[in-house]
Amino acid sequence: MPMLAQRTKWMKTARNFAVGDLCLIRDEQLPRGQWPLARVTAVFPSSDDLVRSVEVRTKDGLYRRPVQKLSLLEAAS
């Protein structure tokens, strides 16, 4: 019975982050309106070719963050 209900969250693959993407860095200690804006400068794919972490540039410097802590705003063209 549980397999009859379709789980859409895991049925579709999400787009990988790419160099040049514009994103917000999620911070649980700040309200959403104050999350820092960042640009992806490098991606680090895992052995299954999914991007698990990225290097981002903010106005304060470079950081390496997991993709779970980022919110994509605009994809690079």
PDB file of N, CA and C in Angstrom:
ATOM      1  N   MET A   1       0.782  -1.205   0.000  1.00  0.00           N
ATOM      2  CA  MET A   1       0.000   0.000   0.000  1.00  0.00           C
ATOM      3  C   MET A   1       0.832   1.283   0.000  1.00  0.00           C
ATOM      4  N   PRO A   2       1.902   1.372   0.809  1.00  0.00           N
ATOM      5  CA  PRO A   2       2.655   2.628   0.814  1.00  0.00           C
ATOM      6  C   PRO A   2       3.298   2.962  -0.536  1.00  0.00           C
ATOM      7  N   MET A   3       3.563   1.972  -1.352  1.00  0.00           N
ATOM      8  CA  MET A   3       4.202   2.225  -2.642  1.00  0.00           C
ATOM      9  C   MET A   3       3.223   2.756  -3.691  1.00  0.00           C
ATOM     10  N   LEU A   4       1.936   2.726  -3.423  1.00  0.00           N
ATOM     11  CA  LEU A   4       0.960   3.242  -4.367  1.00  0.00           C
ATOM     12  C   LEU A   4       0.939   4.773  -4.384  1.00  0.00           C
ATOM     13  N   ALA A   5       1.246   5.389  -3.262  1.00  0.00           N
ATOM     14  CA  ALA A   5       1.283   6.852  -3.199  1.00  0.00           C
ATOM     15  C   ALA A   5       2.608   7.326  -3.787  1.00  0.00           C
ATOM     16  N   GLN A   6       2.543   8.167  -4.803  1.00  0.00           N
ATOM     17  CA  GLN A   6       3.739   8.637  -5.482  1.00  0.00           C
ATOM     18  C   GLN A   6       4.408   9.738  -4.673  1.00  0.00           C
ATOM     19  N   ARG A   7       5.707   9.584  -4.437  1.00  0.00           N
ATOM     20  CA  ARG A   7       6.481  10.601  -3.742  1.00  0.00           C
ATOM     21  C   ARG A   7       7.199  11.439  -4.784  1.00  0.00           C
ATOM     22  N   THR A   8       6.677  12.604  -5.058  1.00  0.00           N
ATOM     23  CA  THR A   8       7.246  13.426  -6.125  1.00  0.00           C
ATOM     24  C   THR A   8       8.590  14.032  -5.740  1.00  0.00           C
ATOM     25  N   LYS A   9       8.856  14.163  -4.459  1.00  0.00           N
ATOM     26  CA  LYS A   9      10.110  14.774  -4.032  1.00  0.00           C
ATOM     27  C   LYS A   9      11.307  13.967  -4.516  1.00  0.00           C
ATOM     28  N   TRP A  10      11.229  12.660  -4.476  1.00  0.00           N
ATOM     29  CA  TRP A  10      12.361  11.828  -4.863  1.00  0.00           C
ATOM     30  C   TRP A  10      12.214  11.200  -6.242  1.00  0.00           C
ATOM     31  N   MET A  11      11.120  11.483  -6.926  1.00  0.00           N
ATOM     32  CA  MET A  11      10.910  10.895  -8.239  1.00  0.00           C
ATOM     33  C   MET A  11      11.605  11.688  -9.346  1.00  0.00           C
ATOM     34  N   LYS A  12      11.768  12.999  -9.161  1.00  0.00           N
ATOM     35  CA  LYS A  12      12.410  13.839 -10.162  1.00  0.00           C
ATOM     36  C   LYS A  12      13.787  14.255  -9.669  1.00  0.00           C
ATOM     37  N   THR A  13      14.736  14.275 -10.567  1.00  0.00           N
ATOM     38  CA  THR A  13      16.055  14.749 -10.182  1.00  0.00           C
ATOM     39  C   THR A  13      16.093  16.262 -10.291  1.00  0.00           C
ATOM     40  N   ALA A  14      16.726  16.876  -9.335  1.00  0.00           N
ATOM     41  CA  ALA A  14      16.842  18.331  -9.327  1.00  0.00           C
ATOM     42  C   ALA A  14      18.057  18.744 -10.151  1.00  0.00           C
ATOM     43  N   ARG A  15      18.052  19.966 -10.607  1.00  0.00           N
ATOM     44  CA  ARG A  15      19.160  20.505 -11.379  1.00  0.00           C
ATOM     45  C   ARG A  15      20.372  20.679 -10.469  1.00  0.00           C
ATOM     46  N   ASN A  16      21.537  20.295 -10.958  1.00  0.00           N
ATOM     47  CA  ASN A  16      22.779  20.504 -10.216  1.00  0.00           C
ATOM     48  C   ASN A  16      23.158  21.978 -10.248  1.00  0.00           C
ATOM     49  N   PHE A  17      23.800  22.444  -9.202  1.00  0.00           N
ATOM     50  CA  PHE A  17      24.337  23.791  -9.210  1.00  0.00           C
ATOM     51  C   PHE A  17      25.462  23.861 -10.228  1.00  0.00           C
ATOM     52  N   ALA A  18      25.625  25.033 -10.840  1.00  0.00           N
ATOM     53  CA  ALA A  18      26.670  25.239 -11.841  1.00  0.00           C
ATOM     54  C   ALA A  18      27.407  26.531 -11.522  1.00  0.00           C
ATOM     55  N   VAL A  19      28.598  26.652 -12.082  1.00  0.00           N
ATOM     56  CA  VAL A  19      29.389  27.862 -11.884  1.00  0.00           C
ATOM     57  C   VAL A  19      28.630  29.046 -12.479  1.00  0.00           C
ATOM     58  N   GLY A  20      28.523  30.113 -11.717  1.00  0.00           N
ATOM     59  CA  GLY A  20      27.817  31.303 -12.171  1.00  0.00           C
ATOM     60  C   GLY A  20      26.414  31.440 -11.611  1.00  0.00           C
ATOM     61  N   ASP A  21      25.883  30.416 -10.954  1.00  0.00           N
ATOM     62  CA  ASP A  21      24.544  30.491 -10.373  1.00  0.00           C
ATOM     63  C   ASP A  21      24.515  31.515  -9.240  1.00  0.00           C
ATOM     64  N   LEU A  22      23.410  32.213  -9.134  1.00  0.00           N
ATOM     65  CA  LEU A  22      23.189  33.175  -8.059  1.00  0.00           C
ATOM     66  C   LEU A  22      22.315  32.508  -7.012  1.00  0.00           C
ATOM     67  N   CYS A  23      22.721  32.580  -5.745  1.00  0.00           N
ATOM     68  CA  CYS A  23      21.989  31.873  -4.708  1.00  0.00           C
ATOM     69  C   CYS A  23      22.026  32.651  -3.398  1.00  0.00           C
ATOM     70  N   LEU A  24      21.204  32.203  -2.458  1.00  0.00           N
ATOM     71  CA  LEU A  24      21.211  32.711  -1.098  1.00  0.00           C
ATOM     72  C   LEU A  24      21.785  31.639  -0.194  1.00  0.00           C
ATOM     73  N   ILE A  25      22.586  32.034   0.783  1.00  0.00           N
ATOM     74  CA  ILE A  25      23.120  31.093   1.765  1.00  0.00           C
ATOM     75  C   ILE A  25      22.166  31.081   2.949  1.00  0.00           C
ATOM     76  N   ARG A  26      21.554  29.932   3.202  1.00  0.00           N
ATOM     77  CA  ARG A  26      20.606  29.818   4.308  1.00  0.00           C
ATOM     78  C   ARG A  26      21.350  29.889   5.640  1.00  0.00           C
ATOM     79  N   ASP A  27      20.806  30.670   6.538  1.00  0.00           N
ATOM     80  CA  ASP A  27      21.363  30.803   7.879  1.00  0.00           C
ATOM     81  C   ASP A  27      20.207  30.760   8.864  1.00  0.00           C
ATOM     82  N   GLU A  28      20.183  29.735   9.721  1.00  0.00           N
ATOM     83  CA  GLU A  28      19.071  29.547  10.642  1.00  0.00           C
ATOM     84  C   GLU A  28      19.008  30.644  11.700  1.00  0.00           C
ATOM     85  N   GLN A  29      20.086  31.379  11.901  1.00  0.00           N
ATOM     86  CA  GLN A  29      20.120  32.407  12.921  1.00  0.00           C
ATOM     87  C   GLN A  29      19.680  33.779  12.398  1.00  0.00           C
ATOM     88  N   LEU A  30      19.421  33.873  11.097  1.00  0.00           N
ATOM     89  CA  LEU A  30      18.990  35.127  10.491  1.00  0.00           C
ATOM     90  C   LEU A  30      17.615  34.958   9.856  1.00  0.00           C
ATOM     91  N   PRO A  31      16.819  36.036   9.805  1.00  0.00           N
ATOM     92  CA  PRO A  31      15.566  35.956   9.045  1.00  0.00           C
ATOM     93  C   PRO A  31      15.857  35.834   7.553  1.00  0.00           C
ATOM     94  N   ARG A  32      14.921  35.307   6.795  1.00  0.00           N
ATOM     95  CA  ARG A  32      15.144  35.051   5.368  1.00  0.00           C
ATOM     96  C   ARG A  32      15.523  36.302   4.587  1.00  0.00           C
ATOM     97  N   GLY A  33      15.044  37.441   4.977  1.00  0.00           N
ATOM     98  CA  GLY A  33      15.359  38.672   4.277  1.00  0.00           C
ATOM     99  C   GLY A  33      16.797  39.123   4.449  1.00  0.00           C
ATOM    100  N   GLN A  34      17.524  38.510   5.374  1.00  0.00           N
ATOM    101  CA  GLN A  34      18.902  38.899   5.634  1.00  0.00           C
ATOM    102  C   GLN A  34      19.920  37.830   5.241  1.00  0.00           C
ATOM    103  N   TRP A  35      19.484  36.778   4.558  1.00  0.00           N
ATOM    104  CA  TRP A  35      20.425  35.754   4.105  1.00  0.00           C
ATOM    105  C   TRP A  35      21.388  36.370   3.100  1.00  0.00           C
ATOM    106  N   PRO A  36      22.679  36.046   3.176  1.00  0.00           N
ATOM    107  CA  PRO A  36      23.653  36.639   2.252  1.00  0.00           C
ATOM    108  C   PRO A  36      23.501  36.121   0.819  1.00  0.00           C
ATOM    109  N   LEU A  37      23.715  37.025  -0.111  1.00  0.00           N
ATOM    110  CA  LEU A  37      23.678  36.722  -1.534  1.00  0.00           C
ATOM    111  C   LEU A  37      25.050  36.212  -1.954  1.00  0.00           C
ATOM    112  N   ALA A  38      25.093  35.197  -2.814  1.00  0.00           N
ATOM    113  CA  ALA A  38      26.367  34.611  -3.219  1.00  0.00           C
ATOM    114  C   ALA A  38      26.320  34.164  -4.671  1.00  0.00           C
ATOM    115  N   ARG A  39      27.495  34.028  -5.268  1.00  0.00           N
ATOM    116  CA  ARG A  39      27.662  33.521  -6.632  1.00  0.00           C
ATOM    117  C   ARG A  39      28.517  32.264  -6.547  1.00  0.00           C
ATOM    118  N   VAL A  40      28.103  31.197  -7.235  1.00  0.00           N
ATOM    119  CA  VAL A  40      28.847  29.933  -7.235  1.00  0.00           C
ATOM    120  C   VAL A  40      30.096  30.105  -8.100  1.00  0.00           C
ATOM    121  N   THR A  41      31.263  29.786  -7.518  1.00  0.00           N
ATOM    122  CA  THR A  41      32.529  29.904  -8.247  1.00  0.00           C
ATOM    123  C   THR A  41      33.127  28.556  -8.610  1.00  0.00           C
ATOM    124  N   ALA A  42      32.771  27.501  -7.868  1.00  0.00           N
ATOM    125  CA  ALA A  42      33.278  26.155  -8.169  1.00  0.00           C
ATOM    126  C   ALA A  42      32.276  25.130  -7.641  1.00  0.00           C
ATOM    127  N   VAL A  43      32.182  23.989  -8.320  1.00  0.00           N
ATOM    128  CA  VAL A  43      31.307  22.897  -7.880  1.00  0.00           C
ATOM    129  C   VAL A  43      32.157  21.670  -7.602  1.00  0.00           C
ATOM    130  N   PHE A  44      31.718  20.846  -6.657  1.00  0.00           N
ATOM    131  CA  PHE A  44      32.434  19.646  -6.272  1.00  0.00           C
ATOM    132  C   PHE A  44      31.496  18.450  -6.386  1.00  0.00           C
ATOM    133  N   PRO A  45      31.482  17.777  -7.544  1.00  0.00           N
ATOM    134  CA  PRO A  45      30.598  16.622  -7.712  1.00  0.00           C
ATOM    135  C   PRO A  45      31.117  15.412  -6.939  1.00  0.00           C
ATOM    136  N   SER A  46      30.182  14.560  -6.540  1.00  0.00           N
ATOM    137  CA  SER A  46      30.539  13.329  -5.850  1.00  0.00           C
ATOM    138  C   SER A  46      30.785  12.222  -6.877  1.00  0.00           C
ATOM    139  N   SER A  47      30.974  11.016  -6.402  1.00  0.00           N
ATOM    140  CA  SER A  47      31.271   9.898  -7.305  1.00  0.00           C
ATOM    141  C   SER A  47      30.093   9.540  -8.205  1.00  0.00           C
ATOM    142  N   ASP A  48      28.866   9.941  -7.829  1.00  0.00           N
ATOM    143  CA  ASP A  48      27.692   9.668  -8.654  1.00  0.00           C
ATOM    144  C   ASP A  48      27.315  10.862  -9.530  1.00  0.00           C
ATOM    145  N   ASP A  49      28.233  11.808  -9.717  1.00  0.00           N
ATOM    146  CA  ASP A  49      28.085  12.990 -10.579  1.00  0.00           C
ATOM    147  C   ASP A  49      26.995  13.955 -10.116  1.00  0.00           C
ATOM    148  N   LEU A  50      26.630  13.907  -8.846  1.00  0.00           N
ATOM    149  CA  LEU A  50      25.718  14.890  -8.274  1.00  0.00           C
ATOM    150  C   LEU A  50      26.537  15.888  -7.472  1.00  0.00           C
ATOM    151  N   VAL A  51      26.220  17.158  -7.628  1.00  0.00           N
ATOM    152  CA  VAL A  51      26.953  18.194  -6.902  1.00  0.00           C
ATOM    153  C   VAL A  51      26.449  18.207  -5.465  1.00  0.00           C
ATOM    154  N   ARG A  52      27.353  17.956  -4.540  1.00  0.00           N
ATOM    155  CA  ARG A  52      27.000  17.914  -3.118  1.00  0.00           C
ATOM    156  C   ARG A  52      27.433  19.176  -2.381  1.00  0.00           C
ATOM    157  N   SER A  53      28.499  19.807  -2.837  1.00  0.00           N
ATOM    158  CA  SER A  53      28.956  21.039  -2.210  1.00  0.00           C
ATOM    159  C   SER A  53      29.515  21.970  -3.279  1.00  0.00           C
ATOM    160  N   VAL A  54      29.514  23.255  -2.957  1.00  0.00           N
ATOM    161  CA  VAL A  54      29.977  24.273  -3.898  1.00  0.00           C
ATOM    162  C   VAL A  54      30.811  25.300  -3.148  1.00  0.00           C
ATOM    163  N   GLU A  55      31.611  26.018  -3.918  1.00  0.00           N
ATOM    164  CA  GLU A  55      32.325  27.164  -3.379  1.00  0.00           C
ATOM    165  C   GLU A  55      31.592  28.406  -3.838  1.00  0.00           C
ATOM    166  N   VAL A  56      31.268  29.287  -2.895  1.00  0.00           N
ATOM    167  CA  VAL A  56      30.517  30.495  -3.219  1.00  0.00           C
ATOM    168  C   VAL A  56      31.310  31.724  -2.811  1.00  0.00           C
ATOM    169  N   ARG A  57      31.094  32.803  -3.561  1.00  0.00           N
ATOM    170  CA  ARG A  57      31.718  34.079  -3.236  1.00  0.00           C
ATOM    171  C   ARG A  57      30.633  35.043  -2.768  1.00  0.00           C
ATOM    172  N   THR A  58      30.846  35.611  -1.599  1.00  0.00           N
ATOM    173  CA  THR A  58      29.979  36.650  -1.070  1.00  0.00           C
ATOM    174  C   THR A  58      30.786  37.939  -0.990  1.00  0.00           C
ATOM    175  N   LYS A  59      30.185  38.985  -0.477  1.00  0.00           N
ATOM    176  CA  LYS A  59      30.927  40.238  -0.324  1.00  0.00           C
ATOM    177  C   LYS A  59      32.000  40.119   0.756  1.00  0.00           C
ATOM    178  N   ASP A  60      31.884  39.085   1.619  1.00  0.00           N
ATOM    179  CA  ASP A  60      32.847  38.893   2.703  1.00  0.00           C
ATOM    180  C   ASP A  60      33.980  37.937   2.360  1.00  0.00           C
ATOM    181  N   GLY A  61      33.851  37.144   1.299  1.00  0.00           N
ATOM    182  CA  GLY A  61      34.909  36.214   0.925  1.00  0.00           C
ATOM    183  C   GLY A  61      34.380  34.937   0.301  1.00  0.00           C
ATOM    184  N   LEU A  62      35.255  33.920   0.232  1.00  0.00           N
ATOM    185  CA  LEU A  62      34.909  32.620  -0.347  1.00  0.00           C
ATOM    186  C   LEU A  62      34.555  31.631   0.761  1.00  0.00           C
ATOM    187  N   TYR A  63      33.513  30.821   0.497  1.00  0.00           N
ATOM    188  CA  TYR A  63      33.079  29.795   1.439  1.00  0.00           C
ATOM    189  C   TYR A  63      32.754  28.519   0.675  1.00  0.00           C
ATOM    190  N   ARG A  64      32.952  27.386   1.327  1.00  0.00           N
ATOM    191  CA  ARG A  64      32.516  26.102   0.763  1.00  0.00           C
ATOM    192  C   ARG A  64      31.301  25.665   1.555  1.00  0.00           C
ATOM    193  N   ARG A  65      30.171  25.482   0.862  1.00  0.00           N
ATOM    194  CA  ARG A  65      28.906  25.167   1.505  1.00  0.00           C
ATOM    195  C   ARG A  65      28.249  23.959   0.847  1.00  0.00           C
ATOM    196  N   PRO A  66      27.514  23.144   1.613  1.00  0.00           N
ATOM    197  CA  PRO A  66      26.723  22.065   1.012  1.00  0.00           C
ATOM    198  C   PRO A  66      25.519  22.656   0.287  1.00  0.00           C
ATOM    199  N   VAL A  67      25.059  21.981  -0.748  1.00  0.00           N
ATOM    200  CA  VAL A  67      23.937  22.509  -1.539  1.00  0.00           C
ATOM    201  C   VAL A  67      22.638  22.533  -0.740  1.00  0.00           C
ATOM    202  N   GLN A  68      22.543  21.759   0.339  1.00  0.00           N
ATOM    203  CA  GLN A  68      21.346  21.772   1.168  1.00  0.00           C
ATOM    204  C   GLN A  68      21.189  23.097   1.907  1.00  0.00           C
ATOM    205  N   LYS A  69      22.270  23.847   2.050  1.00  0.00           N
ATOM    206  CA  LYS A  69      22.247  25.137   2.747  1.00  0.00           C
ATOM    207  C   LYS A  69      22.116  26.315   1.777  1.00  0.00           C
ATOM    208  N   LEU A  70      21.827  26.041   0.501  1.00  0.00           N
ATOM    209  CA  LEU A  70      21.721  27.106  -0.493  1.00  0.00           C
ATOM    210  C   LEU A  70      20.320  27.114  -1.099  1.00  0.00           C
ATOM    211  N   SER A  71      19.896  28.305  -1.505  1.00  0.00           N
ATOM    212  CA  SER A  71      18.634  28.457  -2.240  1.00  0.00           C
ATOM    213  C   SER A  71      18.955  29.122  -3.567  1.00  0.00           C
ATOM    214  N   LEU A  72      18.680  28.442  -4.647  1.00  0.00           N
ATOM    215  CA  LEU A  72      18.966  28.951  -5.987  1.00  0.00           C
ATOM    216  C   LEU A  72      18.015  30.092  -6.323  1.00  0.00           C
ATOM    217  N   LEU A  73      18.589  31.231  -6.743  1.00  0.00           N
ATOM    218  CA  LEU A  73      17.778  32.361  -7.173  1.00  0.00           C
ATOM    219  C   LEU A  73      17.710  32.451  -8.690  1.00  0.00           C
ATOM    220  N   GLU A  74      18.869  32.391  -9.327  1.00  0.00           N
ATOM    221  CA  GLU A  74      18.934  32.523 -10.784  1.00  0.00           C
ATOM    222  C   GLU A  74      19.998  31.589 -11.325  1.00  0.00           C
ATOM    223  N   ALA A  75      19.619  30.786 -12.288  1.00  0.00           N
ATOM    224  CA  ALA A  75      20.559  29.849 -12.901  1.00  0.00           C
ATOM    225  C   ALA A  75      21.444  30.583 -13.908  1.00  0.00           C
ATOM    226  N   ALA A  76      22.672  30.135 -14.021  1.00  0.00           N
ATOM    227  CA  ALA A  76      23.598  30.723 -15.003  1.00  0.00           C
ATOM    228  C   ALA A  76      23.135  30.359 -16.403  1.00  0.00           C
ATOM    229  N   SER A  77      23.332  31.260 -17.322  1.00  0.00           N
ATOM    230  CA  SER A  77      22.880  31.010 -18.698  1.00  0.00           C
ATOM    231  C   SER A  77      23.840  30.137 -19.459  1.00  0.00           C
TER     232      SER A  77
END
